[in-house]
Amino acid sequence: MKHLTLAAMAALALSSGAAMAQDKKDGMNKPKQEKCYGVSLAGKNDCGAGPGTTCAGTSKSDYQGNAWKFVPADTCTSIKTPKGNGSLTSKA
């Protein structure tokens, strides 16, 4: 009976290790992102919407300069809006 228990524990440990290795591998394939200010629509920011706001979804106007949204890495400053290009730093 002990052998079955040890065998079951070994099998569980191996499958858990494989699952954790897959999770790490999947995380490595996620595209890199950067914070981009001045590109979100009102209420669609990821965070950073200025004084008196709580964070995500609290920007008051489209392309608000102190509100940021995650965008694919190395694309922020090429995003064009009616108020100019996106910025890696706050515009407020």
C-alpha atoms as a PDB file:
ATOM      1  CA  MET A   1       0.000   0.000   0.000  1.00  0.00           C
ATOM      2  CA  LYS A   2       2.873   2.376   0.768  1.00  0.00           C
ATOM      3  CA  HIS A   3       4.225   1.893  -2.749  1.00  0.00           C
ATOM      4  CA  LEU A   4       0.926   2.978  -4.275  1.00  0.00           C
ATOM      5  CA  THR A   5       0.837   6.058  -2.115  1.00  0.00           C
ATOM      6  CA  LEU A   6       4.427   6.963  -2.962  1.00  0.00           C
ATOM      7  CA  ALA A   7       3.798   6.269  -6.635  1.00  0.00           C
ATOM      8  CA  ALA A   8       0.678   8.423  -6.593  1.00  0.00           C
ATOM      9  CA  MET A   9       2.549  11.222  -4.836  1.00  0.00           C
ATOM     10  CA  ALA A  10       5.387  11.029  -7.347  1.00  0.00           C
ATOM     11  CA  ALA A  11       2.973  11.143 -10.265  1.00  0.00           C
ATOM     12  CA  LEU A  12       1.180  14.154  -8.761  1.00  0.00           C
ATOM     13  CA  ALA A  13       4.473  15.956  -8.169  1.00  0.00           C
ATOM     14  CA  LEU A  14       5.579  15.342 -11.743  1.00  0.00           C
ATOM     15  CA  SER A  15       2.283  16.531 -13.225  1.00  0.00           C
ATOM     16  CA  SER A  16       2.267  19.623 -10.989  1.00  0.00           C
ATOM     17  CA  GLY A  17       5.825  20.451 -12.039  1.00  0.00           C
ATOM     18  CA  ALA A  18       4.885  20.095 -15.695  1.00  0.00           C
ATOM     19  CA  ALA A  19       1.873  22.388 -15.222  1.00  0.00           C
ATOM     20  CA  MET A  20       4.012  25.025 -13.490  1.00  0.00           C
ATOM     21  CA  ALA A  21       6.620  24.812 -16.257  1.00  0.00           C
ATOM     22  CA  GLN A  22       3.861  25.327 -18.850  1.00  0.00           C
ATOM     23  CA  ASP A  23       2.538  28.356 -16.924  1.00  0.00           C
ATOM     24  CA  LYS A  24       6.015  29.917 -16.911  1.00  0.00           C
ATOM     25  CA  LYS A  25       6.428  29.188 -20.610  1.00  0.00           C
ATOM     26  CA  ASP A  26       3.037  30.749 -21.402  1.00  0.00           C
ATOM     27  CA  GLY A  27       3.991  33.860 -19.408  1.00  0.00           C
ATOM     28  CA  MET A  28       7.131  34.248 -21.505  1.00  0.00           C
ATOM     29  CA  ASN A  29       5.041  34.397 -24.679  1.00  0.00           C
ATOM     30  CA  LYS A  30       2.902  37.307 -23.513  1.00  0.00           C
ATOM     31  CA  PRO A  31       3.569  40.437 -25.527  1.00  0.00           C
ATOM     32  CA  LYS A  32       5.406  43.177 -23.661  1.00  0.00           C
ATOM     33  CA  GLN A  33       3.349  46.253 -22.859  1.00  0.00           C
ATOM     34  CA  GLU A  34       4.007  49.835 -21.851  1.00  0.00           C
ATOM     35  CA  LYS A  35       1.974  52.610 -20.255  1.00  0.00           C
ATOM     36  CA  CYS A  36       0.881  55.150 -22.826  1.00  0.00           C
ATOM     37  CA  TYR A  37      -0.555  58.509 -21.758  1.00  0.00           C
ATOM     38  CA  GLY A  38      -3.141  60.456 -23.704  1.00  0.00           C
ATOM     39  CA  VAL A  39      -4.514  57.655 -25.875  1.00  0.00           C
ATOM     40  CA  SER A  40      -7.530  56.305 -23.989  1.00  0.00           C
ATOM     41  CA  LEU A  41     -11.136  57.305 -24.411  1.00  0.00           C
ATOM     42  CA  ALA A  42     -13.092  58.728 -21.460  1.00  0.00           C
ATOM     43  CA  GLY A  43     -13.626  56.037 -18.839  1.00  0.00           C
ATOM     44  CA  LYS A  44     -11.450  53.518 -20.698  1.00  0.00           C
ATOM     45  CA  ASN A  45      -8.042  54.221 -19.122  1.00  0.00           C
ATOM     46  CA  ASP A  46      -6.128  51.523 -17.267  1.00  0.00           C
ATOM     47  CA  CYS A  47      -4.989  53.925 -14.534  1.00  0.00           C
ATOM     48  CA  GLY A  48      -3.422  57.290 -13.742  1.00  0.00           C
ATOM     49  CA  ALA A  49      -6.275  59.715 -14.305  1.00  0.00           C
ATOM     50  CA  GLY A  50      -5.163  62.536 -12.067  1.00  0.00           C
ATOM     51  CA  PRO A  51      -6.193  63.981  -8.704  1.00  0.00           C
ATOM     52  CA  GLY A  52      -9.603  63.014  -7.391  1.00  0.00           C
ATOM     53  CA  THR A  53      -9.833  59.779  -9.389  1.00  0.00           C
ATOM     54  CA  THR A  54      -9.547  56.219  -8.147  1.00  0.00           C
ATOM     55  CA  CYS A  55      -7.754  54.726 -11.150  1.00  0.00           C
ATOM     56  CA  ALA A  56      -8.964  52.451 -13.954  1.00  0.00           C
ATOM     57  CA  GLY A  57     -11.955  53.727 -15.885  1.00  0.00           C
ATOM     58  CA  THR A  58     -11.972  57.144 -14.246  1.00  0.00           C
ATOM     59  CA  SER A  59     -10.680  59.457 -16.965  1.00  0.00           C
ATOM     60  CA  LYS A  60     -13.126  62.261 -17.657  1.00  0.00           C
ATOM     61  CA  SER A  61     -12.314  63.050 -21.283  1.00  0.00           C
ATOM     62  CA  ASP A  62     -11.043  61.393 -24.432  1.00  0.00           C
ATOM     63  CA  TYR A  63      -7.232  61.456 -24.800  1.00  0.00           C
ATOM     64  CA  GLN A  64      -6.775  62.889 -21.294  1.00  0.00           C
ATOM     65  CA  GLY A  65      -3.066  63.624 -20.921  1.00  0.00           C
ATOM     66  CA  ASN A  66      -2.653  62.280 -17.386  1.00  0.00           C
ATOM     67  CA  ALA A  67      -4.520  59.002 -17.991  1.00  0.00           C
ATOM     68  CA  TRP A  68      -2.698  55.982 -19.349  1.00  0.00           C
ATOM     69  CA  LYS A  69      -3.589  52.745 -21.078  1.00  0.00           C
ATOM     70  CA  PHE A  70      -1.460  49.656 -21.667  1.00  0.00           C
ATOM     71  CA  VAL A  71      -0.405  49.308 -25.307  1.00  0.00           C
ATOM     72  CA  PRO A  72       2.017  46.918 -27.042  1.00  0.00           C
ATOM     73  CA  ALA A  73       5.634  47.821 -26.254  1.00  0.00           C
ATOM     74  CA  ASP A  74       7.349  50.294 -28.566  1.00  0.00           C
ATOM     75  CA  THR A  75       4.073  51.563 -30.084  1.00  0.00           C
ATOM     76  CA  CYS A  76       2.986  54.350 -27.730  1.00  0.00           C
ATOM     77  CA  THR A  77       4.603  57.345 -29.373  1.00  0.00           C
ATOM     78  CA  SER A  78       3.408  56.255 -32.813  1.00  0.00           C
ATOM     79  CA  ILE A  79      -0.271  56.264 -31.759  1.00  0.00           C
ATOM     80  CA  LYS A  80      -1.925  59.345 -33.263  1.00  0.00           C
ATOM     81  CA  THR A  81      -4.909  61.009 -31.578  1.00  0.00           C
ATOM     82  CA  PRO A  82      -6.769  64.269 -32.249  1.00  0.00           C
ATOM     83  CA  LYS A  83      -4.636  65.766 -29.453  1.00  0.00           C
ATOM     84  CA  GLY A  84      -1.280  64.518 -30.765  1.00  0.00           C
ATOM     85  CA  ASN A  85       0.705  61.325 -30.333  1.00  0.00           C
ATOM     86  CA  GLY A  86       0.725  59.095 -27.280  1.00  0.00           C
ATOM     87  CA  SER A  87       3.379  59.783 -24.645  1.00  0.00           C
ATOM     88  CA  LEU A  88       5.443  57.624 -22.297  1.00  0.00           C
ATOM     89  CA  THR A  89       5.073  60.328 -19.639  1.00  0.00           C
ATOM     90  CA  SER A  90       2.068  62.223 -18.341  1.00  0.00           C
ATOM     91  CA  LYS A  91       1.001  65.186 -20.468  1.00  0.00           C
ATOM     92  CA  ALA A  92      -0.592  67.014 -17.538  1.00  0.00           C
END
